[in-house]
């Protein structure tokens, strides 16, 4: 356990030294001042201010570089996107995603409510269907009894089973 921990510490130290060395080879951001934006932004730690053509270290402690340069003039990562456009675009995309999530959650909750508890209109329609079915059965029974009476009256009534066993009582 102690051996593997020390190996990890040595490996992490070597990687961090290599990263610092690569950043040191590219030089500090101040040396790209009064040059092009593309040259400055080759180093990802640099920030280009297009209003005064200054290349500076990105202030990693602050999210926005307001103290160093105006947002409309600040460039980071690519030269064709300024921080104002980036903030507006990210806000719109983030807001759209949030609204989409809220709509999906709302729709899912509504479907669960409908599944759990039918609404009053559905209950009323089911009661009416049941009442119609019962009335129809009553009408059928009434019509059958009327038809049977007419058949008896004219001698057309068929016995249930003419071949049934006779029972002597």
Protein backbone atom coordinates (compact mmCIF):
# COMPACT_ATOMS: atom_id res chain seq x y z
CA UNK A 1 0.00 0.00 0.00
CA UNK A 2 2.75 2.47 0.94
CA UNK A 3 4.70 1.53 -2.18
CA UNK A 4 1.75 2.17 -4.53
CA UNK A 5 0.99 5.49 -2.79
CA UNK A 6 4.57 6.69 -3.24
CA UNK A 7 4.51 5.62 -6.91
CA UNK A 8 1.36 7.65 -7.45
CA UNK A 9 2.90 10.72 -5.78
CA UNK A 10 6.02 10.44 -7.95
CA UNK A 11 3.93 9.95 -11.09
CA UNK A 12 1.70 12.93 -10.27
CA UNK A 13 4.76 15.09 -9.55
CA UNK A 14 6.36 14.13 -12.87
CA UNK A 15 3.17 14.94 -14.77
CA UNK A 16 2.75 18.32 -13.09
CA UNK A 17 6.41 19.22 -13.74
CA UNK A 18 5.96 18.27 -17.41
CA UNK A 19 2.85 20.45 -17.65
CA UNK A 20 4.61 23.39 -16.00
CA UNK A 21 7.59 22.89 -18.27
CA UNK A 22 5.37 22.93 -21.35
CA UNK A 23 3.74 26.13 -20.16
CA UNK A 24 7.14 27.62 -19.40
CA UNK A 25 8.39 26.71 -22.89
CA UNK A 26 5.54 28.65 -24.43
CA UNK A 27 6.52 31.63 -22.30
CA UNK A 28 4.48 34.06 -20.31
CA UNK A 29 1.53 35.73 -21.93
CA UNK A 30 3.04 39.25 -21.73
CA UNK A 31 5.54 38.44 -24.52
CA UNK A 32 2.63 38.17 -27.03
CA UNK A 33 1.42 41.74 -26.37
CA UNK A 34 1.14 43.85 -29.58
CA UNK A 35 1.17 40.66 -31.67
CA UNK A 36 -1.83 38.78 -33.11
CA UNK A 37 -4.70 37.23 -31.20
CA UNK A 38 -3.95 33.80 -32.68
CA UNK A 39 -0.37 33.85 -31.39
CA UNK A 40 -1.53 34.88 -27.92
CA UNK A 41 -4.29 32.27 -27.68
CA UNK A 42 -2.04 29.36 -28.64
CA UNK A 43 -1.36 29.21 -24.91
CA UNK A 44 -4.65 28.31 -23.19
CA UNK A 45 -3.69 30.25 -20.07
CA UNK A 46 -3.60 33.54 -21.99
CA UNK A 47 -6.34 36.12 -22.46
CA UNK A 48 -6.33 38.56 -25.42
CA UNK A 49 -7.75 42.04 -25.02
CA UNK A 50 -8.53 43.36 -28.50
CA UNK A 51 -9.13 46.97 -27.40
CA UNK A 52 -5.47 47.51 -26.38
CA UNK A 53 -3.94 44.46 -28.19
CA UNK A 54 -2.60 43.15 -24.93
CA UNK A 55 -1.96 39.50 -24.09
CA UNK A 56 -2.19 38.67 -20.38
CA UNK A 57 -2.52 35.72 -18.02
CA UNK A 58 -6.15 34.69 -17.53
CA UNK A 59 -7.26 35.54 -13.97
CA UNK A 60 -8.14 32.02 -12.82
CA UNK A 61 -9.40 33.22 -9.43
CA UNK A 62 -12.18 35.22 -11.11
CA UNK A 63 -14.60 33.66 -13.54
CA UNK A 64 -14.90 36.82 -15.63
CA UNK A 65 -11.88 38.99 -16.53
CA UNK A 66 -13.73 42.26 -15.89
CA UNK A 67 -10.83 43.88 -14.03
CA UNK A 68 -8.39 43.35 -16.91
CA UNK A 69 -10.45 44.03 -20.02
CA UNK A 70 -13.99 44.83 -21.14
CA UNK A 71 -16.08 41.73 -21.85
CA UNK A 72 -16.77 42.83 -25.43
CA UNK A 73 -13.02 43.08 -26.11
CA UNK A 74 -11.84 39.99 -24.19
CA UNK A 75 -11.00 36.84 -26.14
CA UNK A 76 -10.10 33.44 -24.71
CA UNK A 77 -9.72 30.12 -26.49
CA UNK A 78 -10.65 31.43 -29.94
CA UNK A 79 -10.34 34.91 -31.41
CA UNK A 80 -13.77 35.12 -33.01
CA UNK A 81 -15.82 34.82 -29.77
CA UNK A 82 -15.84 37.58 -27.18
CA UNK A 83 -16.94 37.08 -23.58
CA UNK A 84 -20.23 38.99 -24.01
CA UNK A 85 -21.34 36.71 -26.83
CA UNK A 86 -20.12 33.68 -24.92
CA UNK A 87 -22.07 34.66 -21.80
CA UNK A 88 -25.25 35.40 -23.77
CA UNK A 89 -25.00 32.18 -25.77
CA UNK A 90 -24.32 30.03 -22.73
CA UNK A 91 -27.20 31.69 -20.85
CA UNK A 92 -29.63 31.03 -23.69
CA UNK A 93 -28.49 27.42 -24.10
CA UNK A 94 -28.56 26.82 -20.35
CA UNK A 95 -31.99 28.42 -20.01
CA UNK A 96 -33.35 26.36 -22.88
CA UNK A 97 -32.03 23.17 -21.31
CA UNK A 98 -33.53 24.08 -17.93
CA UNK A 99 -36.91 24.92 -19.47
CA UNK A 100 -36.82 21.63 -21.38
CA UNK A 101 -36.08 19.71 -18.18
CA UNK A 102 -38.90 21.46 -16.31
CA UNK A 103 -41.35 20.71 -19.14
CA UNK A 104 -40.31 17.04 -19.19
CA UNK A 105 -40.66 16.77 -15.40
CA UNK A 106 -44.07 18.47 -15.52
CA UNK A 107 -45.28 16.16 -18.28
CA UNK A 108 -44.07 13.09 -16.41
CA UNK A 109 -45.82 14.22 -13.21
CA UNK A 110 -49.08 14.90 -15.08
CA UNK A 111 -49.01 11.46 -16.69
CA UNK A 112 -48.49 9.83 -13.30
CA UNK A 113 -51.45 11.74 -11.86
CA UNK A 114 -53.67 10.59 -14.73
CA UNK A 115 -52.58 7.00 -14.29
CA UNK A 116 -53.11 7.02 -10.53
CA UNK A 117 -56.45 8.84 -10.40
CA UNK A 118 -58.93 9.20 -13.28
CA UNK A 119 -60.47 12.62 -13.51
CA UNK A 120 -64.15 13.44 -12.91
CA UNK A 121 -65.09 13.44 -16.60
CA UNK A 122 -63.78 9.92 -17.09
CA UNK A 123 -65.61 8.68 -13.99
CA UNK A 124 -68.87 10.30 -15.17
CA UNK A 125 -68.51 8.76 -18.65
CA UNK A 126 -67.88 5.30 -17.12
CA UNK A 127 -71.01 5.60 -14.91
CA UNK A 128 -73.12 6.67 -17.91
CA UNK A 129 -71.83 3.72 -19.98
CA UNK A 130 -72.69 1.31 -17.17
CA UNK A 131 -76.21 2.80 -16.81
CA UNK A 132 -76.80 2.52 -20.59
CA UNK A 133 -75.64 -1.11 -20.55
CA UNK A 134 -78.03 -1.97 -17.68
CA UNK A 135 -80.97 -0.24 -19.44
CA UNK A 136 -80.18 -2.11 -22.66
CA UNK A 137 -80.18 -5.45 -20.82
CA UNK A 138 -83.53 -4.59 -19.21
CA UNK A 139 -84.99 -3.68 -22.63
CA UNK A 140 -83.68 -6.95 -24.12
CA UNK A 141 -85.26 -8.99 -21.33
CA UNK A 142 -88.56 -7.09 -21.73
CA UNK A 143 -88.60 -7.62 -25.51
CA UNK A 144 -87.80 -11.32 -25.07
CA UNK A 145 -90.69 -11.77 -22.62
CA UNK A 146 -93.07 -9.95 -25.02
CA UNK A 147 -91.98 -12.12 -27.91
CA UNK A 148 -92.41 -15.25 -25.80
CA UNK A 149 -95.98 -14.16 -24.87
CA UNK A 150 -96.82 -13.63 -28.53
CA UNK A 151 -95.36 -17.03 -29.44
CA UNK A 152 -97.45 -18.70 -26.69
CA UNK A 153 -100.56 -16.90 -27.86
CA UNK A 154 -100.19 -18.21 -31.42
CA UNK A 155 -98.76 -21.60 -30.45
CA UNK A 156 -95.30 -20.94 -31.79
CA UNK A 157 -93.59 -21.25 -28.44
CA UNK A 158 -90.94 -23.94 -28.51
CA UNK A 159 -90.48 -26.04 -25.47
CA UNK A 160 -87.10 -25.91 -23.96
CA UNK A 161 -86.13 -29.51 -24.75
CA UNK A 162 -88.70 -31.94 -26.16
CA UNK A 163 -86.40 -34.90 -25.50
CA UNK A 164 -85.99 -34.29 -21.76
CA UNK A 165 -86.68 -37.14 -19.31
CA UNK A 166 -90.11 -37.40 -17.91
CA UNK A 167 -90.27 -37.22 -14.20
CA UNK A 168 -93.06 -38.98 -12.36
CA UNK A 169 -94.11 -37.17 -9.29
